[in-house]
Amino acid sequence: MDPAEDLIFVGMIQERGSARHPNVRSISHRLTYQAIIEPLAEMENNQ
């Protein structure tokens, strides 16, 4: 939850007994904020 960006993320993960699963929590956190930061940086560069 990020009130500054008016953003809420709900993720549901089902792990099925595999010991080799990706760290989905870390990946989703990184991708969510990357989706916010990259467009903002592009907008700032175009001004």
C-alpha atoms as a PDB file:
ATOM      1  CA  MET A   1       0.000   0.000   0.000  1.00  0.00           C
ATOM      2  CA  ASP A   2       1.392   3.374  -1.021  1.00  0.00           C
ATOM      3  CA  PRO A   3      -0.918   6.327  -0.281  1.00  0.00           C
ATOM      4  CA  ALA A   4       1.471   8.782  -1.950  1.00  0.00           C
ATOM      5  CA  GLU A   5       0.979   7.023  -5.285  1.00  0.00           C
ATOM      6  CA  ASP A   6      -2.657   6.043  -4.571  1.00  0.00           C
ATOM      7  CA  LEU A   7      -1.613   2.434  -5.098  1.00  0.00           C
ATOM      8  CA  ILE A   8      -2.754  -0.833  -3.577  1.00  0.00           C
ATOM      9  CA  PHE A   9      -1.343  -4.186  -4.640  1.00  0.00           C
ATOM     10  CA  VAL A  10      -3.046  -7.460  -3.812  1.00  0.00           C
ATOM     11  CA  GLY A  11      -1.078 -10.565  -4.678  1.00  0.00           C
ATOM     12  CA  MET A  12      -2.163 -14.140  -4.213  1.00  0.00           C
ATOM     13  CA  ILE A  13       0.461 -16.837  -4.454  1.00  0.00           C
ATOM     14  CA  GLN A  14      -0.067 -20.571  -4.351  1.00  0.00           C
ATOM     15  CA  GLU A  15       3.055 -22.640  -3.859  1.00  0.00           C
ATOM     16  CA  ARG A  16       2.734 -26.278  -4.745  1.00  0.00           C
ATOM     17  CA  GLY A  17       5.495 -27.981  -2.796  1.00  0.00           C
ATOM     18  CA  SER A  18       8.378 -26.990  -5.051  1.00  0.00           C
ATOM     19  CA  ALA A  19      11.583 -26.091  -3.240  1.00  0.00           C
ATOM     20  CA  ARG A  20      12.715 -24.098  -6.281  1.00  0.00           C
ATOM     21  CA  HIS A  21      10.171 -21.300  -6.489  1.00  0.00           C
ATOM     22  CA  PRO A  22      11.045 -17.657  -7.210  1.00  0.00           C
ATOM     23  CA  ASN A  23      10.837 -15.035  -4.472  1.00  0.00           C
ATOM     24  CA  VAL A  24       7.537 -13.652  -5.741  1.00  0.00           C
ATOM     25  CA  ARG A  25       7.190 -11.093  -2.928  1.00  0.00           C
ATOM     26  CA  SER A  26      10.499  -9.468  -3.832  1.00  0.00           C
ATOM     27  CA  ILE A  27       9.823  -9.658  -7.576  1.00  0.00           C
ATOM     28  CA  SER A  28       6.342  -8.123  -7.317  1.00  0.00           C
ATOM     29  CA  HIS A  29       7.621  -5.304  -5.074  1.00  0.00           C
ATOM     30  CA  ARG A  30      10.395  -4.461  -7.533  1.00  0.00           C
ATOM     31  CA  LEU A  31       8.156  -4.601 -10.619  1.00  0.00           C
ATOM     32  CA  THR A  32       5.374  -2.541  -9.016  1.00  0.00           C
ATOM     33  CA  TYR A  33       7.672   0.319  -8.064  1.00  0.00           C
ATOM     34  CA  GLN A  34       9.566   0.054 -11.348  1.00  0.00           C
ATOM     35  CA  ALA A  35       6.253   0.608 -13.153  1.00  0.00           C
ATOM     36  CA  ILE A  36       5.814   3.847 -11.173  1.00  0.00           C
ATOM     37  CA  ILE A  37       9.363   5.175 -11.227  1.00  0.00           C
ATOM     38  CA  GLU A  38      10.288   4.609 -14.885  1.00  0.00           C
ATOM     39  CA  PRO A  39       7.329   6.549 -16.369  1.00  0.00           C
ATOM     40  CA  LEU A  40       7.922   9.377 -13.867  1.00  0.00           C
ATOM     41  CA  ALA A  41      11.581   9.577 -14.879  1.00  0.00           C
ATOM     42  CA  GLU A  42      10.602   9.683 -18.561  1.00  0.00           C
ATOM     43  CA  MET A  43       8.101  12.477 -17.881  1.00  0.00           C
ATOM     44  CA  GLU A  44      10.728  14.489 -15.995  1.00  0.00           C
ATOM     45  CA  ASN A  45      13.246  14.043 -18.828  1.00  0.00           C
ATOM     46  CA  ASN A  46      10.719  15.278 -21.408  1.00  0.00           C
ATOM     47  CA  GLN A  47       9.976  18.510 -19.517  1.00  0.00           C
END
